[in-house]
PDB file of N, CA and C in Angstrom:
ATOM      1  N   MET A   1      -5.173  16.687  -7.891  1.00  0.00           N
ATOM      2  CA  MET A   1      -4.435  15.591  -7.316  1.00  0.00           C
ATOM      3  C   MET A   1      -4.000  15.939  -5.896  1.00  0.00           C
ATOM      4  N   LEU A   2      -4.106  14.982  -5.031  1.00  0.00           N
ATOM      5  CA  LEU A   2      -3.713  15.172  -3.641  1.00  0.00           C
ATOM      6  C   LEU A   2      -2.205  14.998  -3.477  1.00  0.00           C
ATOM      7  N   GLU A   3      -1.672  15.588  -2.429  1.00  0.00           N
ATOM      8  CA  GLU A   3      -0.282  15.360  -2.058  1.00  0.00           C
ATOM      9  C   GLU A   3      -0.131  13.903  -1.625  1.00  0.00           C
ATOM     10  N   LEU A   4       1.041  13.332  -1.876  1.00  0.00           N
ATOM     11  CA  LEU A   4       1.262  11.935  -1.516  1.00  0.00           C
ATOM     12  C   LEU A   4       1.107  11.692  -0.018  1.00  0.00           C
ATOM     13  N   SER A   5       1.502  12.664   0.790  1.00  0.00           N
ATOM     14  CA  SER A   5       1.356  12.485   2.244  1.00  0.00           C
ATOM     15  C   SER A   5      -0.119  12.359   2.630  1.00  0.00           C
ATOM     16  N   ARG A   6      -0.984  13.112   1.977  1.00  0.00           N
ATOM     17  CA  ARG A   6      -2.426  13.028   2.255  1.00  0.00           C
ATOM     18  C   ARG A   6      -2.990  11.695   1.754  1.00  0.00           C
ATOM     19  N   ILE A   7      -2.538  11.257   0.595  1.00  0.00           N
ATOM     20  CA  ILE A   7      -2.962   9.963   0.065  1.00  0.00           C
ATOM     21  C   ILE A   7      -2.571   8.858   1.041  1.00  0.00           C
ATOM     22  N   ASP A   8      -1.345   8.932   1.554  1.00  0.00           N
ATOM     23  CA  ASP A   8      -0.875   7.922   2.513  1.00  0.00           C
ATOM     24  C   ASP A   8      -1.741   7.906   3.772  1.00  0.00           C
ATOM     25  N   GLU A   9      -2.110   9.084   4.269  1.00  0.00           N
ATOM     26  CA  GLU A   9      -2.964   9.165   5.462  1.00  0.00           C
ATOM     27  C   GLU A   9      -4.320   8.507   5.224  1.00  0.00           C
ATOM     28  N   LEU A  10      -4.944   8.863   4.110  1.00  0.00           N
ATOM     29  CA  LEU A  10      -6.266   8.312   3.797  1.00  0.00           C
ATOM     30  C   LEU A  10      -6.191   6.805   3.562  1.00  0.00           C
ATOM     31  N   ALA A  11      -5.170   6.361   2.842  1.00  0.00           N
ATOM     32  CA  ALA A  11      -5.023   4.933   2.551  1.00  0.00           C
ATOM     33  C   ALA A  11      -4.741   4.145   3.828  1.00  0.00           C
ATOM     34  N   LEU A  12      -3.934   4.705   4.721  1.00  0.00           N
ATOM     35  CA  LEU A  12      -3.629   4.032   5.984  1.00  0.00           C
ATOM     36  C   LEU A  12      -4.895   3.843   6.812  1.00  0.00           C
ATOM     37  N   ALA A  13      -5.694   4.882   6.925  1.00  0.00           N
ATOM     38  CA  ALA A  13      -6.937   4.789   7.699  1.00  0.00           C
ATOM     39  C   ALA A  13      -7.880   3.755   7.087  1.00  0.00           C
ATOM     40  N   ALA A  14      -8.008   3.758   5.774  1.00  0.00           N
ATOM     41  CA  ALA A  14      -8.903   2.804   5.112  1.00  0.00           C
ATOM     42  C   ALA A  14      -8.384   1.368   5.240  1.00  0.00           C
ATOM     43  N   ALA A  15      -7.074   1.175   5.116  1.00  0.00           N
ATOM     44  CA  ALA A  15      -6.504  -0.173   5.232  1.00  0.00           C
ATOM     45  C   ALA A  15      -6.660  -0.710   6.651  1.00  0.00           C
ATOM     46  N   ARG A  16      -6.421   0.148   7.628  1.00  0.00           N
ATOM     47  CA  ARG A  16      -6.586  -0.296   9.020  1.00  0.00           C
ATOM     48  C   ARG A  16      -8.037  -0.624   9.333  1.00  0.00           C
ATOM     49  N   ALA A  17      -8.970   0.128   8.761  1.00  0.00           N
ATOM     50  CA  ALA A  17     -10.391  -0.145   8.996  1.00  0.00           C
ATOM     51  C   ALA A  17     -10.813  -1.464   8.351  1.00  0.00           C
ATOM     52  N   ALA A  18     -10.279  -1.758   7.173  1.00  0.00           N
ATOM     53  CA  ALA A  18     -10.669  -2.975   6.456  1.00  0.00           C
ATOM     54  C   ALA A  18      -9.920  -4.213   6.947  1.00  0.00           C
ATOM     55  N   LEU A  19      -8.716  -4.014   7.509  1.00  0.00           N
ATOM     56  CA  LEU A  19      -7.896  -5.136   7.990  1.00  0.00           C
ATOM     57  C   LEU A  19      -7.484  -4.904   9.436  1.00  0.00           C
ATOM     58  N   PRO A  20      -8.431  -4.853  10.352  1.00  0.00           N
ATOM     59  CA  PRO A  20      -8.091  -4.480  11.730  1.00  0.00           C
ATOM     60  C   PRO A  20      -7.142  -5.457  12.425  1.00  0.00           C
ATOM     61  N   ARG A  21      -7.147  -6.713  12.026  1.00  0.00           N
ATOM     62  CA  ARG A  21      -6.280  -7.699  12.689  1.00  0.00           C
ATOM     63  C   ARG A  21      -4.956  -7.905  11.962  1.00  0.00           C
ATOM     64  N   ALA A  22      -4.782  -7.294  10.799  1.00  0.00           N
ATOM     65  CA  ALA A  22      -3.603  -7.567   9.984  1.00  0.00           C
ATOM     66  C   ALA A  22      -2.378  -6.769  10.413  1.00  0.00           C
ATOM     67  N   GLY A  23      -2.533  -5.816  11.300  1.00  0.00           N
ATOM     68  CA  GLY A  23      -1.382  -5.053  11.749  1.00  0.00           C
ATOM     69  C   GLY A  23      -0.789  -4.178  10.670  1.00  0.00           C
ATOM     70  N   VAL A  24      -1.604  -3.340  10.064  1.00  0.00           N
ATOM     71  CA  VAL A  24      -1.106  -2.407   9.055  1.00  0.00           C
ATOM     72  C   VAL A  24      -0.249  -1.361   9.767  1.00  0.00           C
ATOM     73  N   THR A  25       1.051  -1.314   9.425  1.00  0.00           N
ATOM     74  CA  THR A  25       1.958  -0.399  10.113  1.00  0.00           C
ATOM     75  C   THR A  25       2.105   0.928   9.392  1.00  0.00           C
ATOM     76  N   ARG A  26       2.076   0.881   8.062  1.00  0.00           N
ATOM     77  CA  ARG A  26       2.211   2.120   7.293  1.00  0.00           C
ATOM     78  C   ARG A  26       1.792   1.871   5.862  1.00  0.00           C
ATOM     79  N   VAL A  27       1.641   2.968   5.153  1.00  0.00           N
ATOM     80  CA  VAL A  27       1.282   2.924   3.744  1.00  0.00           C
ATOM     81  C   VAL A  27       2.127   3.978   3.037  1.00  0.00           C
ATOM     82  N   THR A  28       2.671   3.602   1.905  1.00  0.00           N
ATOM     83  CA  THR A  28       3.377   4.577   1.077  1.00  0.00           C
ATOM     84  C   THR A  28       2.804   4.508  -0.325  1.00  0.00           C
ATOM     85  N   SER A  29       2.802   5.636  -0.988  1.00  0.00           N
ATOM     86  CA  SER A  29       2.256   5.673  -2.339  1.00  0.00           C
ATOM     87  C   SER A  29       3.206   6.442  -3.252  1.00  0.00           C
ATOM     88  N   ARG A  30       3.049   6.160  -4.535  1.00  0.00           N
ATOM     89  CA  ARG A  30       3.813   6.895  -5.532  1.00  0.00           C
ATOM     90  C   ARG A  30       3.003   6.909  -6.819  1.00  0.00           C
ATOM     91  N   PRO A  31       3.173   7.956  -7.591  1.00  0.00           N
ATOM     92  CA  PRO A  31       2.462   8.005  -8.876  1.00  0.00           C
ATOM     93  C   PRO A  31       3.127   7.076  -9.890  1.00  0.00           C
ATOM     94  N   PHE A  32       2.337   6.531 -10.779  1.00  0.00           N
ATOM     95  CA  PHE A  32       2.868   5.774 -11.907  1.00  0.00           C
ATOM     96  C   PHE A  32       1.819   5.745 -13.009  1.00  0.00           C
ATOM     97  N   THR A  33       2.197   5.207 -14.141  1.00  0.00           N
ATOM     98  CA  THR A  33       1.291   5.096 -15.273  1.00  0.00           C
ATOM     99  C   THR A  33       0.872   3.639 -15.394  1.00  0.00           C
ATOM    100  N   ASP A  34      -0.440   3.398 -15.440  1.00  0.00           N
ATOM    101  CA  ASP A  34      -0.912   2.011 -15.503  1.00  0.00           C
ATOM    102  C   ASP A  34      -0.811   1.460 -16.926  1.00  0.00           C
ATOM    103  N   TRP A  35      -1.249   0.242 -17.104  1.00  0.00           N
ATOM    104  CA  TRP A  35      -1.116  -0.451 -18.380  1.00  0.00           C
ATOM    105  C   TRP A  35      -1.911   0.188 -19.509  1.00  0.00           C
ATOM    106  N   THR A  36      -2.878   1.038 -19.163  1.00  0.00           N
ATOM    107  CA  THR A  36      -3.663   1.716 -20.201  1.00  0.00           C
ATOM    108  C   THR A  36      -3.081   3.076 -20.559  1.00  0.00           C
ATOM    109  N   GLY A  37      -2.025   3.477 -19.848  1.00  0.00           N
ATOM    110  CA  GLY A  37      -1.420   4.784 -20.077  1.00  0.00           C
ATOM    111  C   GLY A  37      -1.998   5.879 -19.192  1.00  0.00           C
ATOM    112  N   GLU A  38      -2.899   5.518 -18.285  1.00  0.00           N
ATOM    113  CA  GLU A  38      -3.522   6.485 -17.387  1.00  0.00           C
ATOM    114  C   GLU A  38      -2.652   6.737 -16.163  1.00  0.00           C
ATOM    115  N   ASP A  39      -2.725   7.963 -15.645  1.00  0.00           N
ATOM    116  CA  ASP A  39      -2.072   8.262 -14.369  1.00  0.00           C
ATOM    117  C   ASP A  39      -2.760   7.451 -13.287  1.00  0.00           C
ATOM    118  N   ALA A  40      -1.971   6.864 -12.401  1.00  0.00           N
ATOM    119  CA  ALA A  40      -2.506   6.015 -11.330  1.00  0.00           C
ATOM    120  C   ALA A  40      -1.607   6.164 -10.105  1.00  0.00           C
ATOM    121  N   LEU A  41      -1.933   5.403  -9.080  1.00  0.00           N
ATOM    122  CA  LEU A  41      -1.147   5.383  -7.850  1.00  0.00           C
ATOM    123  C   LEU A  41      -0.762   3.948  -7.529  1.00  0.00           C
ATOM    124  N   GLU A  42       0.481   3.772  -7.119  1.00  0.00           N
ATOM    125  CA  GLU A  42       0.897   2.499  -6.558  1.00  0.00           C
ATOM    126  C   GLU A  42       0.899   2.688  -5.054  1.00  0.00           C
ATOM    127  N   VAL A  43       0.115   1.889  -4.349  1.00  0.00           N
ATOM    128  CA  VAL A  43      -0.031   2.015  -2.902  1.00  0.00           C
ATOM    129  C   VAL A  43       0.522   0.746  -2.265  1.00  0.00           C
ATOM    130  N   LEU A  44       1.569   0.909  -1.464  1.00  0.00           N
ATOM    131  CA  LEU A  44       2.190  -0.216  -0.774  1.00  0.00           C
ATOM    132  C   LEU A  44       1.693  -0.242   0.660  1.00  0.00           C
ATOM    133  N   ILE A  45       1.055  -1.338   1.033  1.00  0.00           N
ATOM    134  CA  ILE A  45       0.533  -1.520   2.383  1.00  0.00           C
ATOM    135  C   ILE A  45       1.498  -2.438   3.131  1.00  0.00           C
ATOM    136  N   VAL A  46       2.058  -1.918   4.224  1.00  0.00           N
ATOM    137  CA  VAL A  46       3.049  -2.658   4.992  1.00  0.00           C
ATOM    138  C   VAL A  46       2.381  -3.223   6.246  1.00  0.00           C
ATOM    139  N   LEU A  47       2.503  -4.543   6.402  1.00  0.00           N
ATOM    140  CA  LEU A  47       1.909  -5.251   7.539  1.00  0.00           C
ATOM    141  C   LEU A  47       3.008  -5.652   8.515  1.00  0.00           C
ATOM    142  N   THR A  48       2.637  -5.868   9.767  1.00  0.00           N
ATOM    143  CA  THR A  48       3.610  -6.363  10.735  1.00  0.00           C
ATOM    144  C   THR A  48       4.123  -7.717  10.263  1.00  0.00           C
ATOM    145  N   SER A  49       5.308  -8.063  10.714  1.00  0.00           N
ATOM    146  CA  SER A  49       5.918  -9.333  10.299  1.00  0.00           C
ATOM    147  C   SER A  49       5.120 -10.536  10.774  1.00  0.00           C
ATOM    148  N   ASP A  50       4.379 -10.380  11.867  1.00  0.00           N
ATOM    149  CA  ASP A  50       3.590 -11.487  12.397  1.00  0.00           C
ATOM    150  C   ASP A  50       2.102 -11.335  12.070  1.00  0.00           C
ATOM    151  N   ALA A  51       1.802 -10.635  10.994  1.00  0.00           N
ATOM    152  CA  ALA A  51       0.406 -10.435  10.600  1.00  0.00           C
ATOM    153  C   ALA A  51      -0.246 -11.779  10.303  1.00  0.00           C
ATOM    154  N   PRO A  52      -1.471 -11.967  10.764  1.00  0.00           N
ATOM    155  CA  PRO A  52      -2.153 -13.231  10.478  1.00  0.00           C
ATOM    156  C   PRO A  52      -2.380 -13.400   8.978  1.00  0.00           C
ATOM    157  N   GLU A  53      -2.372 -14.627   8.538  1.00  0.00           N
ATOM    158  CA  GLU A  53      -2.520 -14.934   7.114  1.00  0.00           C
ATOM    159  C   GLU A  53      -3.987 -15.203   6.748  1.00  0.00           C
ATOM    160  N   ASP A  54      -4.903 -14.575   7.445  1.00  0.00           N
ATOM    161  CA  ASP A  54      -6.315 -14.855   7.188  1.00  0.00           C
ATOM    162  C   ASP A  54      -6.958 -13.857   6.228  1.00  0.00           C
ATOM    163  N   ARG A  55      -6.138 -13.176   5.441  1.00  0.00           N
ATOM    164  CA  ARG A  55      -6.703 -12.260   4.455  1.00  0.00           C
ATOM    165  C   ARG A  55      -7.338 -13.066   3.329  1.00  0.00           C
ATOM    166  N   THR A  56      -8.438 -12.573   2.814  1.00  0.00           N
ATOM    167  CA  THR A  56      -9.182 -13.266   1.773  1.00  0.00           C
ATOM    168  C   THR A  56      -9.358 -12.333   0.582  1.00  0.00           C
ATOM    169  N   PRO A  57      -9.794 -12.859  -0.561  1.00  0.00           N
ATOM    170  CA  PRO A  57     -10.102 -11.969  -1.685  1.00  0.00           C
ATOM    171  C   PRO A  57     -11.131 -10.906  -1.305  1.00  0.00           C
ATOM    172  N   ASP A  58     -12.088 -11.275  -0.453  1.00  0.00           N
ATOM    173  CA  ASP A  58     -13.091 -10.293  -0.023  1.00  0.00           C
ATOM    174  C   ASP A  58     -12.453  -9.171   0.795  1.00  0.00           C
ATOM    175  N   SER A  59     -11.531  -9.527   1.686  1.00  0.00           N
ATOM    176  CA  SER A  59     -10.896  -8.482   2.496  1.00  0.00           C
ATOM    177  C   SER A  59     -10.008  -7.602   1.615  1.00  0.00           C
ATOM    178  N   ALA A  60      -9.366  -8.191   0.612  1.00  0.00           N
ATOM    179  CA  ALA A  60      -8.564  -7.391  -0.312  1.00  0.00           C
ATOM    180  C   ALA A  60      -9.446  -6.404  -1.072  1.00  0.00           C
ATOM    181  N   MET A  61     -10.617  -6.856  -1.477  1.00  0.00           N
ATOM    182  CA  MET A  61     -11.551  -5.958  -2.166  1.00  0.00           C
ATOM    183  C   MET A  61     -12.066  -4.878  -1.227  1.00  0.00           C
ATOM    184  N   ASP A  62     -12.271  -5.219   0.049  1.00  0.00           N
ATOM    185  CA  ASP A  62     -12.697  -4.223   1.027  1.00  0.00           C
ATOM    186  C   ASP A  62     -11.640  -3.124   1.181  1.00  0.00           C
ATOM    187  N   VAL A  63     -10.369  -3.528   1.204  1.00  0.00           N
ATOM    188  CA  VAL A  63      -9.285  -2.544   1.315  1.00  0.00           C
ATOM    189  C   VAL A  63      -9.277  -1.646   0.081  1.00  0.00           C
ATOM    190  N   LEU A  64      -9.314  -2.257  -1.092  1.00  0.00           N
ATOM    191  CA  LEU A  64      -9.301  -1.480  -2.331  1.00  0.00           C
ATOM    192  C   LEU A  64     -10.489  -0.525  -2.388  1.00  0.00           C
ATOM    193  N   ARG A  65     -11.660  -1.028  -2.071  1.00  0.00           N
ATOM    194  CA  ARG A  65     -12.864  -0.200  -2.106  1.00  0.00           C
ATOM    195  C   ARG A  65     -12.755   0.955  -1.105  1.00  0.00           C
ATOM    196  N   GLY A  66     -12.290   0.653   0.109  1.00  0.00           N
ATOM    197  CA  GLY A  66     -12.162   1.691   1.127  1.00  0.00           C
ATOM    198  C   GLY A  66     -11.164   2.766   0.738  1.00  0.00           C
ATOM    199  N   ILE A  67     -10.016   2.346   0.219  1.00  0.00           N
ATOM    200  CA  ILE A  67      -9.005   3.326  -0.199  1.00  0.00           C
ATOM    201  C   ILE A  67      -9.510   4.138  -1.381  1.00  0.00           C
ATOM    202  N   ASN A  68     -10.055   3.470  -2.378  1.00  0.00           N
ATOM    203  CA  ASN A  68     -10.555   4.178  -3.558  1.00  0.00           C
ATOM    204  C   ASN A  68     -11.657   5.166  -3.189  1.00  0.00           C
ATOM    205  N   ASP A  69     -12.600   4.733  -2.355  1.00  0.00           N
ATOM    206  CA  ASP A  69     -13.688   5.626  -1.935  1.00  0.00           C
ATOM    207  C   ASP A  69     -13.150   6.836  -1.172  1.00  0.00           C
ATOM    208  N   SER A  70     -12.207   6.603  -0.249  1.00  0.00           N
ATOM    209  CA  SER A  70     -11.634   7.709   0.530  1.00  0.00           C
ATOM    210  C   SER A  70     -10.924   8.711  -0.371  1.00  0.00           C
ATOM    211  N   LEU A  71     -10.172   8.194  -1.317  1.00  0.00           N
ATOM    212  CA  LEU A  71      -9.443   9.079  -2.218  1.00  0.00           C
ATOM    213  C   LEU A  71     -10.390   9.868  -3.113  1.00  0.00           C
ATOM    214  N   GLN A  72     -11.396   9.200  -3.651  1.00  0.00           N
ATOM    215  CA  GLN A  72     -12.350   9.900  -4.508  1.00  0.00           C
ATOM    216  C   GLN A  72     -13.106  10.980  -3.742  1.00  0.00           C
ATOM    217  N   GLN A  73     -13.497  10.687  -2.506  1.00  0.00           N
ATOM    218  CA  GLN A  73     -14.202  11.694  -1.697  1.00  0.00           C
ATOM    219  C   GLN A  73     -13.328  12.908  -1.429  1.00  0.00           C
ATOM    220  N   ALA A  74     -12.010  12.701  -1.394  1.00  0.00           N
ATOM    221  CA  ALA A  74     -11.085  13.806  -1.154  1.00  0.00           C
ATOM    222  C   ALA A  74     -10.679  14.505  -2.451  1.00  0.00           C
ATOM    223  N   GLY A  75     -11.178  14.022  -3.577  1.00  0.00           N
ATOM    224  CA  GLY A  75     -10.904  14.676  -4.851  1.00  0.00           C
ATOM    225  C   GLY A  75      -9.790  14.047  -5.676  1.00  0.00           C
ATOM    226  N   GLU A  76      -9.286  12.911  -5.260  1.00  0.00           N
ATOM    227  CA  GLU A  76      -8.223  12.220  -5.999  1.00  0.00           C
ATOM    228  C   GLU A  76      -8.852  11.295  -7.032  1.00  0.00           C
ATOM    229  N   GLU A  77      -8.497  11.491  -8.289  1.00  0.00           N
ATOM    230  CA  GLU A  77      -9.106  10.713  -9.357  1.00  0.00           C
ATOM    231  C   GLU A  77      -8.257   9.547  -9.834  1.00  0.00           C
ATOM    232  N   ARG A  78      -6.981   9.497  -9.458  1.00  0.00           N
ATOM    233  CA  ARG A  78      -6.127   8.391  -9.902  1.00  0.00           C
ATOM    234  C   ARG A  78      -6.525   7.108  -9.182  1.00  0.00           C
ATOM    235  N   PHE A  79      -6.481   5.993  -9.906  1.00  0.00           N
ATOM    236  CA  PHE A  79      -6.861   4.703  -9.342  1.00  0.00           C
ATOM    237  C   PHE A  79      -5.704   4.143  -8.513  1.00  0.00           C
ATOM    238  N   PRO A  80      -5.995   3.595  -7.323  1.00  0.00           N
ATOM    239  CA  PRO A  80      -4.940   3.024  -6.491  1.00  0.00           C
ATOM    240  C   PRO A  80      -4.722   1.529  -6.790  1.00  0.00           C
ATOM    241  N   TYR A  81      -3.550   1.189  -7.244  1.00  0.00           N
ATOM    242  CA  TYR A  81      -3.149  -0.208  -7.414  1.00  0.00           C
ATOM    243  C   TYR A  81      -2.418  -0.619  -6.150  1.00  0.00           C
ATOM    244  N   LEU A  82      -2.898  -1.659  -5.481  1.00  0.00           N
ATOM    245  CA  LEU A  82      -2.378  -2.030  -4.170  1.00  0.00           C
ATOM    246  C   LEU A  82      -1.329  -3.136  -4.265  1.00  0.00           C
ATOM    247  N   ARG A  83      -0.321  -3.005  -3.410  1.00  0.00           N
ATOM    248  CA  ARG A  83       0.674  -4.052  -3.183  1.00  0.00           C
ATOM    249  C   ARG A  83       0.773  -4.235  -1.678  1.00  0.00           C
ATOM    250  N   TYR A  84       1.119  -5.429  -1.263  1.00  0.00           N
ATOM    251  CA  TYR A  84       1.266  -5.733   0.162  1.00  0.00           C
ATOM    252  C   TYR A  84       2.665  -6.275   0.414  1.00  0.00           C
ATOM    253  N   THR A  85       3.194  -5.971   1.576  1.00  0.00           N
ATOM    254  CA  THR A  85       4.454  -6.543   2.028  1.00  0.00           C
ATOM    255  C   THR A  85       4.442  -6.550   3.545  1.00  0.00           C
ATOM    256  N   THR A  86       5.465  -7.137   4.137  1.00  0.00           N
ATOM    257  CA  THR A  86       5.604  -7.119   5.595  1.00  0.00           C
ATOM    258  C   THR A  86       6.882  -6.393   5.957  1.00  0.00           C
ATOM    259  N   GLU A  87       6.979  -6.004   7.215  1.00  0.00           N
ATOM    260  CA  GLU A  87       8.199  -5.357   7.698  1.00  0.00           C
ATOM    261  C   GLU A  87       9.399  -6.282   7.496  1.00  0.00           C
ATOM    262  N   ALA A  88       9.215  -7.585   7.738  1.00  0.00           N
ATOM    263  CA  ALA A  88      10.309  -8.549   7.577  1.00  0.00           C
ATOM    264  C   ALA A  88      10.772  -8.617   6.125  1.00  0.00           C
ATOM    265  N   ASP A  89       9.844  -8.602   5.192  1.00  0.00           N
ATOM    266  CA  ASP A  89      10.207  -8.630   3.776  1.00  0.00           C
ATOM    267  C   ASP A  89      10.975  -7.373   3.382  1.00  0.00           C
ATOM    268  N   LEU A  90      10.549  -6.231   3.879  1.00  0.00           N
ATOM    269  CA  LEU A  90      11.257  -4.983   3.586  1.00  0.00           C
ATOM    270  C   LEU A  90      12.676  -5.010   4.132  1.00  0.00           C
ATOM    271  N   LEU A  91      12.835  -5.513   5.347  1.00  0.00           N
ATOM    272  CA  LEU A  91      14.156  -5.601   5.956  1.00  0.00           C
ATOM    273  C   LEU A  91      15.052  -6.555   5.169  1.00  0.00           C
ATOM    274  N   ALA A  92      14.519  -7.694   4.782  1.00  0.00           N
ATOM    275  CA  ALA A  92      15.296  -8.664   4.008  1.00  0.00           C
ATOM    276  C   ALA A  92      15.716  -8.076   2.662  1.00  0.00           C
ATOM    277  N   ARG A  93      14.824  -7.353   2.021  1.00  0.00           N
ATOM    278  CA  ARG A  93      15.134  -6.723   0.738  1.00  0.00           C
ATOM    279  C   ARG A  93      16.231  -5.669   0.904  1.00  0.00           C
ATOM    280  N   LYS A  94      16.130  -4.878   1.974  1.00  0.00           N
ATOM    281  CA  LYS A  94      17.138  -3.846   2.238  1.00  0.00           C
ATOM    282  C   LYS A  94      18.502  -4.480   2.491  1.00  0.00           C
ATOM    283  N   GLU A  95      18.531  -5.542   3.285  1.00  0.00           N
ATOM    284  CA  GLU A  95      19.791  -6.227   3.575  1.00  0.00           C
ATOM    285  C   GLU A  95      20.399  -6.818   2.309  1.00  0.00           C
ATOM    286  N   ALA A  96      19.581  -7.385   1.440  1.00  0.00           N
ATOM    287  CA  ALA A  96      20.070  -7.954   0.181  1.00  0.00           C
ATOM    288  C   ALA A  96      20.637  -6.864  -0.723  1.00  0.00           C
ATOM    289  N   GLU A  97      19.968  -5.722  -0.781  1.00  0.00           N
ATOM    290  CA  GLU A  97      20.455  -4.601  -1.591  1.00  0.00           C
ATOM    291  C   GLU A  97      21.789  -4.092  -1.053  1.00  0.00           C
ATOM    292  N   GLU A  98      21.913  -3.994   0.273  1.00  0.00           N
ATOM    293  CA  GLU A  98      23.163  -3.534   0.869  1.00  0.00           C
ATOM    294  C   GLU A  98      24.290  -4.526   0.592  1.00  0.00           C
ATOM    295  N   ALA A  99      24.001  -5.817   0.657  1.00  0.00           N
ATOM    296  CA  ALA A  99      25.019  -6.833   0.372  1.00  0.00           C
ATOM    297  C   ALA A  99      25.446  -6.755  -1.095  1.00  0.00           C
ATOM    298  N   ASP A 100      24.486  -6.563  -2.004  1.00  0.00           N
ATOM    299  CA  ASP A 100      24.815  -6.421  -3.429  1.00  0.00           C
ATOM    300  C   ASP A 100      25.685  -5.197  -3.659  1.00  0.00           C
ATOM    301  N   HIS A 101      25.356  -4.110  -2.951  1.00  0.00           N
ATOM    302  CA  HIS A 101      26.114  -2.865  -3.107  1.00  0.00           C
ATOM    303  C   HIS A 101      27.552  -3.057  -2.634  1.00  0.00           C
ATOM    304  N   LEU A 102      27.753  -3.783  -1.537  1.00  0.00           N
ATOM    305  CA  LEU A 102      29.090  -4.020  -1.026  1.00  0.00           C
ATOM    306  C   LEU A 102      29.918  -4.895  -1.967  1.00  0.00           C
ATOM    307  N   GLN A 103      29.261  -5.794  -2.688  1.00  0.00           N
ATOM    308  CA  GLN A 103      29.963  -6.679  -3.610  1.00  0.00           C
ATOM    309  C   GLN A 103      30.318  -5.993  -4.912  1.00  0.00           C
ATOM    310  N   SER A 104      29.694  -4.880  -5.196  1.00  0.00           N
ATOM    311  CA  SER A 104      29.935  -4.162  -6.466  1.00  0.00           C
ATOM    312  C   SER A 104      31.213  -3.388  -6.445  1.00  0.00           C
TER     313      SER A 104
END
C-alpha cells in the first residue's frame, strides 16, 4: 500500500490530466472499507469554485480510469472511490460546522 501523500500526488496528476479545464486544486484521500468489505480508498477531488459545469459521465470515467491506472502502476491495489466538491462547498461546510459548534 502506498502512503496517502503519494496517492494524493498520483490522483492529482491524473485528475488534472483528465479534467484540464475543471480547475482541480487538490486531492485528498483516506482509506475506508467498501460495501463488499474490501479495503478501498475514498478520493476527494476539489475543484475551483468557478469550475465549468461541462463534466460528463465520460470525463468522470476518464478521471477514474486515470487515477486507478496510476495507482495500480505504482503498486496500490485498493480501488479509488471518487467524490467531487468545490472550494466554495468546503468553505460553506466549514462555516456551518463552526456555527454549530458555537451553538453547542
